Amino acid sequence: MSPRVLRLGTRGSKLALWQANHVRDLLSRSHPGLEIEISVVKTSADVDQKRPLDRFATQGVFVKELETALLQKTVDFAVHSLKDVPTQIAGGLTLGAILEREDPRDTLVTPDGVALDDLEEGATVGTSSPRRVAQLMNVRPDLKTKDIRGNLDTRLRKMQEGDYGCLVLARAGLVRLAPPGVRHVPLSLEQMLPAPGQGAIAVELRADDVVTTEFIRSLHHDHTAKCVEAERAMLGALGGGCQLPVGCLASVSPRGKLVLRGIVADRQGRKLLRADGMGTNPTDVGNRVAEKLRYLGADYLLG
């Protein structure tokens, strides 16, 4: 395949640009002579930094404009945090590659680096995620949660200025950006299950673009892809978007079977349902865990 130029679409946040540059570098090493032009696209959630994410009218608030750019052929592929990608992909588009996953856990960021169990009573936790709020309140009902928006630097500054006692963030973002002096303690999976796909980077492109598909193939990590497929199947079967109080994580057992743990909670964390499942087909595993959660009352909690 002859060298050519590909246009990569991304959001403009520091983390999004890190991910875009990471993908560009991997592609450049795999395909010498390939040129990647990075194009920054503003999404609706980037423009409106004040509205809580669960108040937006549609799912995919971090990817919609990037998908439009793909369909209009102003970019050849887009790089996303997979947890932001709806379970139903826009018509004409597909996920061409899932990269190897970073640590999927959430982590507690505090000025002093204390663990969740050691937070002072009534501490104010900054998070805009219903999933995180519900699981935090289930473990520590004395805590107070407060919406927070903005990029990583903005959130850290607000904590340092005393607006929040601590933050809950995806550990993958901290690992990738490595902000200096930030102290954090990962939350255990018993305390908090992550969002479906958390820690994984996805590459989206037009389904009929066979040339770009061939270039992108080198990025794909099959182990990660199977795990996140099960997680997204569970979320999809629950009718889910990324702003529902739903968490899950899949892993592969020593015998090669997928093991999926899932939770559904009410938004106050008073009720939390847990289920798990095992199998070889990711979609089947995800659907079975969703069925178990629905049997336990998930539809009522999510309604």
Protein backbone atom coordinates (compact mmCIF):
# COMPACT_ATOMS: atom_id res chain seq x y z
CA MET A 1 0.00 0.00 0.00
CA SER A 2 1.53 3.32 -1.06
CA PRO A 3 2.12 6.10 1.51
CA ARG A 4 -0.58 8.73 1.76
CA VAL A 5 -2.00 11.41 4.05
CA LEU A 6 -4.77 10.57 6.54
CA ARG A 7 -6.76 13.19 8.44
CA LEU A 8 -7.36 12.39 12.12
CA GLY A 9 -10.25 14.08 13.94
CA THR A 10 -10.13 14.70 17.68
CA ARG A 11 -11.43 16.89 20.44
CA GLY A 12 -9.11 19.64 21.65
CA SER A 13 -8.67 18.73 25.32
CA LYS A 14 -5.23 17.78 26.57
CA LEU A 15 -6.26 14.15 27.03
CA ALA A 16 -7.90 13.95 23.61
CA LEU A 17 -4.79 15.43 21.98
CA TRP A 18 -2.56 13.00 23.90
CA GLN A 19 -4.67 10.13 22.54
CA ALA A 20 -4.60 11.53 19.00
CA ASN A 21 -0.83 11.96 19.07
CA HIS A 22 -0.43 8.48 20.54
CA VAL A 23 -2.44 6.98 17.68
CA ARG A 24 -0.52 9.05 15.14
CA ASP A 25 2.81 7.85 16.54
CA LEU A 26 1.75 4.20 16.53
CA LEU A 27 0.55 4.45 12.93
CA SER A 28 3.72 6.24 11.84
CA ARG A 29 5.86 3.44 13.30
CA SER A 30 3.73 0.73 11.70
CA HIS A 31 3.49 2.48 8.32
CA PRO A 32 6.66 4.45 7.48
CA GLY A 33 5.90 7.28 5.09
CA LEU A 34 2.28 7.63 6.20
CA GLU A 35 1.43 11.22 7.13
CA ILE A 36 -1.21 11.99 9.74
CA GLU A 37 -2.80 15.45 9.89
CA ILE A 38 -4.58 16.16 13.19
CA SER A 39 -7.79 18.20 12.95
CA VAL A 40 -9.41 19.53 16.15
CA VAL A 41 -13.21 19.44 16.19
CA LYS A 42 -15.24 21.13 18.95
CA THR A 43 -18.08 19.03 20.31
CA SER A 44 -21.27 20.32 21.92
CA ALA A 45 -20.05 19.28 25.37
CA ASP A 46 -16.78 21.18 24.83
CA VAL A 47 -18.63 24.36 23.88
CA ASP A 48 -21.09 24.23 26.81
CA GLN A 49 -18.92 23.67 29.90
CA LYS A 50 -21.57 24.72 32.43
CA ARG A 51 -24.43 22.31 31.76
CA PRO A 52 -24.21 18.95 33.59
CA LEU A 53 -23.58 16.13 31.14
CA ASP A 54 -26.81 14.33 31.99
CA ARG A 55 -28.77 17.43 30.93
CA PHE A 56 -27.75 17.19 27.27
CA ALA A 57 -30.58 16.04 25.04
CA THR A 58 -28.70 13.29 23.21
CA GLN A 59 -26.12 10.60 23.86
CA GLY A 60 -22.67 10.91 22.38
CA VAL A 61 -22.15 14.57 23.29
CA PHE A 62 -18.37 14.11 23.02
CA VAL A 63 -18.47 12.37 19.62
CA LYS A 64 -21.43 13.69 17.61
CA GLU A 65 -19.56 16.46 15.78
CA LEU A 66 -16.63 14.15 15.09
CA GLU A 67 -19.00 11.66 13.52
CA THR A 68 -20.47 14.45 11.40
CA ALA A 69 -16.95 15.32 10.22
CA LEU A 70 -16.40 11.68 9.27
CA LEU A 71 -19.65 11.46 7.33
CA GLN A 72 -18.88 14.74 5.55
CA LYS A 73 -15.40 13.37 4.75
CA THR A 74 -13.53 16.28 6.31
CA VAL A 75 -11.59 13.73 8.39
CA ASP A 76 -10.70 10.10 7.59
CA PHE A 77 -10.87 8.70 11.12
CA ALA A 78 -11.59 9.92 14.64
CA VAL A 79 -10.01 9.00 17.97
CA HIS A 80 -12.24 8.74 21.04
CA SER A 81 -12.21 7.64 24.64
CA LEU A 82 -14.34 4.53 24.15
CA LYS A 83 -16.48 5.24 27.21
CA ASP A 84 -17.79 8.35 25.39
CA VAL A 85 -18.93 6.39 22.32
CA PRO A 86 -22.64 5.39 22.26
CA THR A 87 -23.40 1.69 22.00
CA GLN A 88 -25.26 2.39 18.75
CA ILE A 89 -22.76 3.69 16.17
CA ALA A 90 -24.01 6.23 13.62
CA GLY A 91 -25.05 4.75 10.28
CA GLY A 92 -22.21 4.43 7.81
CA LEU A 93 -19.54 4.42 10.54
CA THR A 94 -17.76 1.65 12.44
CA LEU A 95 -15.14 1.16 15.13
CA GLY A 96 -12.09 0.07 13.16
CA ALA A 97 -9.75 -0.54 16.09
CA ILE A 98 -9.70 -0.71 19.88
CA LEU A 99 -6.27 -0.05 21.38
CA GLU A 100 -4.79 -1.92 24.32
CA ARG A 101 -6.46 -0.71 27.48
CA GLU A 102 -4.88 1.38 30.22
CA ASP A 103 -5.88 0.77 33.87
CA PRO A 104 -9.70 1.03 33.78
CA ARG A 105 -10.22 1.88 37.45
CA ASP A 106 -11.43 5.17 38.90
CA THR A 107 -9.15 6.95 41.33
CA LEU A 108 -9.59 9.34 44.25
CA VAL A 109 -7.59 12.56 43.96
CA THR A 110 -6.98 14.50 47.19
CA PRO A 111 -4.46 17.14 48.28
CA ASP A 112 -2.95 14.66 50.76
CA GLY A 113 -3.31 11.40 48.85
CA VAL A 114 -5.73 9.71 51.27
CA ALA A 115 -7.87 6.68 50.50
CA LEU A 116 -11.67 6.69 50.31
CA ASP A 117 -12.09 5.08 53.72
CA ASP A 118 -9.93 7.79 55.29
CA LEU A 119 -11.74 10.84 53.87
CA GLU A 120 -13.07 13.12 56.57
CA GLU A 121 -16.79 12.84 57.24
CA GLY A 122 -18.89 15.05 54.98
CA ALA A 123 -16.10 15.77 52.50
CA THR A 124 -17.21 17.28 49.18
CA VAL A 125 -16.38 15.11 46.17
CA GLY A 126 -16.25 16.62 42.69
CA THR A 127 -17.79 14.45 39.97
CA SER A 128 -20.44 14.85 37.27
CA SER A 129 -20.94 11.12 36.79
CA PRO A 130 -24.18 9.54 38.12
CA ARG A 131 -22.34 6.19 38.11
CA ARG A 132 -19.61 7.52 40.39
CA VAL A 133 -22.06 9.39 42.62
CA ALA A 134 -24.21 6.30 43.15
CA GLN A 135 -21.31 4.01 44.02
CA LEU A 136 -19.65 6.60 46.26
CA MET A 137 -22.85 7.16 48.20
CA ASN A 138 -23.38 3.43 48.53
CA VAL A 139 -19.98 3.08 50.22
CA ARG A 140 -19.80 6.45 52.01
CA PRO A 141 -23.32 7.95 52.41
CA ASP A 142 -21.90 10.73 54.59
CA LEU A 143 -20.04 12.30 51.65
CA LYS A 144 -21.36 15.24 49.66
CA THR A 145 -21.10 15.21 45.88
CA LYS A 146 -20.97 18.29 43.68
CA ASP A 147 -21.05 18.58 39.88
CA ILE A 148 -17.80 19.56 38.22
CA ARG A 149 -17.02 20.20 34.55
CA GLY A 150 -13.90 21.22 32.69
CA ASN A 151 -10.61 19.68 31.66
CA LEU A 152 -8.19 18.01 34.06
CA ASP A 153 -6.26 21.19 34.85
CA THR A 154 -9.49 23.06 35.62
CA ARG A 155 -10.73 20.33 37.95
CA LEU A 156 -7.42 20.11 39.78
CA ARG A 157 -7.32 23.90 40.19
CA LYS A 158 -10.85 23.95 41.64
CA MET A 159 -9.83 21.31 44.18
CA GLN A 160 -6.68 23.20 45.10
CA GLU A 161 -8.69 26.39 45.58
CA GLY A 162 -10.93 24.58 48.08
CA ASP A 163 -14.12 24.31 46.01
CA TYR A 164 -13.92 20.52 46.38
CA GLY A 165 -12.30 18.35 49.02
CA CYS A 166 -11.41 15.70 46.44
CA LEU A 167 -12.12 14.45 42.94
CA VAL A 168 -12.95 11.11 41.37
CA LEU A 169 -11.35 10.69 37.94
CA ALA A 170 -10.49 7.91 35.52
CA ARG A 171 -7.02 6.69 36.43
CA ALA A 172 -6.17 6.19 32.75
CA GLY A 173 -6.26 9.94 32.13
CA LEU A 174 -3.89 10.64 35.00
CA VAL A 175 -1.51 7.93 33.85
CA ARG A 176 -1.47 9.31 30.31
CA LEU A 177 -1.11 12.99 31.17
CA ALA A 178 0.98 12.51 34.33
CA PRO A 179 0.26 15.95 35.86
CA PRO A 180 3.03 16.78 38.35
CA GLY A 181 2.35 16.64 42.07
CA VAL A 182 -1.08 15.00 41.81
CA ARG A 183 -1.71 12.49 44.58
CA HIS A 184 -4.34 9.83 44.08
CA VAL A 185 -5.39 6.42 45.37
CA PRO A 186 -7.15 4.00 42.97
CA LEU A 187 -10.60 2.86 44.06
CA SER A 188 -11.00 -0.90 44.38
CA LEU A 189 -13.43 -2.71 42.10
CA GLU A 190 -15.49 -3.54 45.19
CA GLN A 191 -15.84 0.19 45.87
CA MET A 192 -16.46 1.27 42.28
CA LEU A 193 -16.84 -0.48 38.94
CA PRO A 194 -15.79 1.69 35.99
CA ALA A 195 -17.81 2.88 33.02
CA PRO A 196 -18.09 0.43 30.11
CA GLY A 197 -15.00 0.84 27.95
CA GLN A 198 -13.17 3.06 30.44
CA GLY A 199 -9.43 3.23 29.80
CA ALA A 200 -9.71 2.13 26.15
CA ILE A 201 -9.12 4.27 23.06
CA ALA A 202 -11.32 3.70 20.00
CA VAL A 203 -10.74 4.58 16.36
CA GLU A 204 -13.90 5.32 14.37
CA LEU A 205 -14.06 5.57 10.58
CA ARG A 206 -16.37 5.20 7.61
CA ALA A 207 -17.44 1.60 7.16
CA ASP A 208 -16.76 1.66 3.39
CA ASP A 209 -13.26 3.18 3.66
CA VAL A 210 -11.19 0.09 2.94
CA VAL A 211 -7.89 1.97 2.60
CA THR A 212 -8.05 3.63 6.03
CA THR A 213 -9.38 0.39 7.53
CA GLU A 214 -6.25 -1.42 6.38
CA PHE A 215 -3.96 1.18 7.97
CA ILE A 216 -5.92 1.19 11.24
CA ARG A 217 -5.88 -2.60 11.58
CA SER A 218 -2.38 -2.53 13.11
CA LEU A 219 -3.72 -0.67 16.18
CA HIS A 220 -6.27 -3.30 17.18
CA HIS A 221 -5.86 -5.20 20.45
CA ASP A 222 -8.09 -8.26 20.39
CA HIS A 223 -8.02 -8.99 24.13
CA THR A 224 -9.21 -5.46 24.98
CA ALA A 225 -11.77 -5.51 22.17
CA LYS A 226 -13.45 -8.66 23.50
CA CYS A 227 -13.66 -7.26 27.03
CA VAL A 228 -15.14 -3.93 26.00
CA GLU A 229 -17.54 -5.64 23.59
CA ALA A 230 -19.04 -7.52 26.53
CA GLU A 231 -19.24 -4.33 28.61
CA ARG A 232 -20.90 -2.35 25.83
CA ALA A 233 -23.31 -5.21 25.13
CA MET A 234 -24.43 -5.11 28.76
CA LEU A 235 -24.92 -1.34 28.62
CA GLY A 236 -26.76 -1.54 25.31
CA ALA A 237 -29.09 -4.24 26.59
CA LEU A 238 -29.97 -1.98 29.53
CA GLY A 239 -30.82 0.82 27.09
CA GLY A 240 -27.79 2.68 28.30
CA GLY A 241 -25.82 5.79 27.74
CA CYS A 242 -22.69 6.94 29.49
CA GLN A 243 -24.70 9.05 31.96
CA LEU A 244 -26.60 6.16 33.55
CA PRO A 245 -25.59 4.79 36.99
CA VAL A 246 -24.24 1.62 35.36
CA GLY A 247 -20.77 0.16 35.85
CA CYS A 248 -19.04 -2.98 34.63
CA LEU A 249 -15.71 -4.55 33.89
CA ALA A 250 -14.78 -7.62 31.88
CA SER A 251 -11.58 -9.65 32.13
CA VAL A 252 -10.29 -12.89 30.66
CA SER A 253 -9.86 -15.86 32.97
CA PRO A 254 -6.76 -18.11 32.89
CA ARG A 255 -8.84 -20.59 30.89
CA GLY A 256 -9.64 -17.97 28.27
CA LYS A 257 -13.25 -17.24 29.23
CA LEU A 258 -14.67 -13.75 29.56
CA VAL A 259 -15.76 -12.81 33.07
CA LEU A 260 -18.06 -9.76 33.36
CA ARG A 261 -19.06 -7.99 36.57
CA GLY A 262 -21.85 -5.43 36.40
CA ILE A 263 -23.79 -3.07 38.67
CA VAL A 264 -26.85 -0.87 38.38
CA ALA A 265 -27.71 1.65 41.08
CA ASP A 266 -30.23 4.31 41.87
CA ARG A 267 -28.82 7.83 41.64
CA GLN A 268 -28.62 8.23 45.42
CA GLY A 269 -26.73 4.97 45.95
CA ARG A 270 -29.35 3.61 48.33
CA LYS A 271 -29.91 0.54 46.16
CA LEU A 272 -27.17 -1.21 44.21
CA LEU A 273 -27.67 -4.36 42.15
CA ARG A 274 -24.80 -6.68 41.26
CA ALA A 275 -24.53 -9.51 38.74
CA ASP A 276 -21.82 -11.36 36.87
CA GLY A 277 -21.47 -13.80 34.02
CA MET A 278 -18.95 -15.91 32.13
CA GLY A 279 -18.65 -17.24 28.60
CA THR A 280 -16.78 -17.12 25.31
CA ASN A 281 -19.01 -14.85 23.22
CA PRO A 282 -18.70 -11.21 24.40
CA THR A 283 -22.16 -10.11 23.26
CA ASP A 284 -23.85 -13.13 24.84
CA VAL A 285 -22.02 -12.56 28.13
CA GLY A 286 -23.02 -8.90 28.20
CA ASN A 287 -26.65 -9.69 27.39
CA ARG A 288 -26.84 -12.39 30.10
CA VAL A 289 -25.48 -10.07 32.79
CA ALA A 290 -27.97 -7.40 31.69
CA GLU A 291 -30.79 -9.97 31.96
CA LYS A 292 -29.72 -10.85 35.50
CA LEU A 293 -29.68 -7.18 36.47
CA ARG A 294 -33.12 -6.63 34.96
CA TYR A 295 -34.43 -9.63 36.88
CA LEU A 296 -33.12 -7.99 40.06
CA GLY A 297 -34.93 -4.72 39.25
CA ALA A 298 -32.59 -2.71 37.03
CA ASP A 299 -35.40 -1.33 34.86
CA TYR A 300 -37.05 0.20 37.92
CA LEU A 301 -33.83 1.84 39.10
CA LEU A 302 -32.94 3.17 35.65
CA GLY A 303 -36.45 4.40 34.95
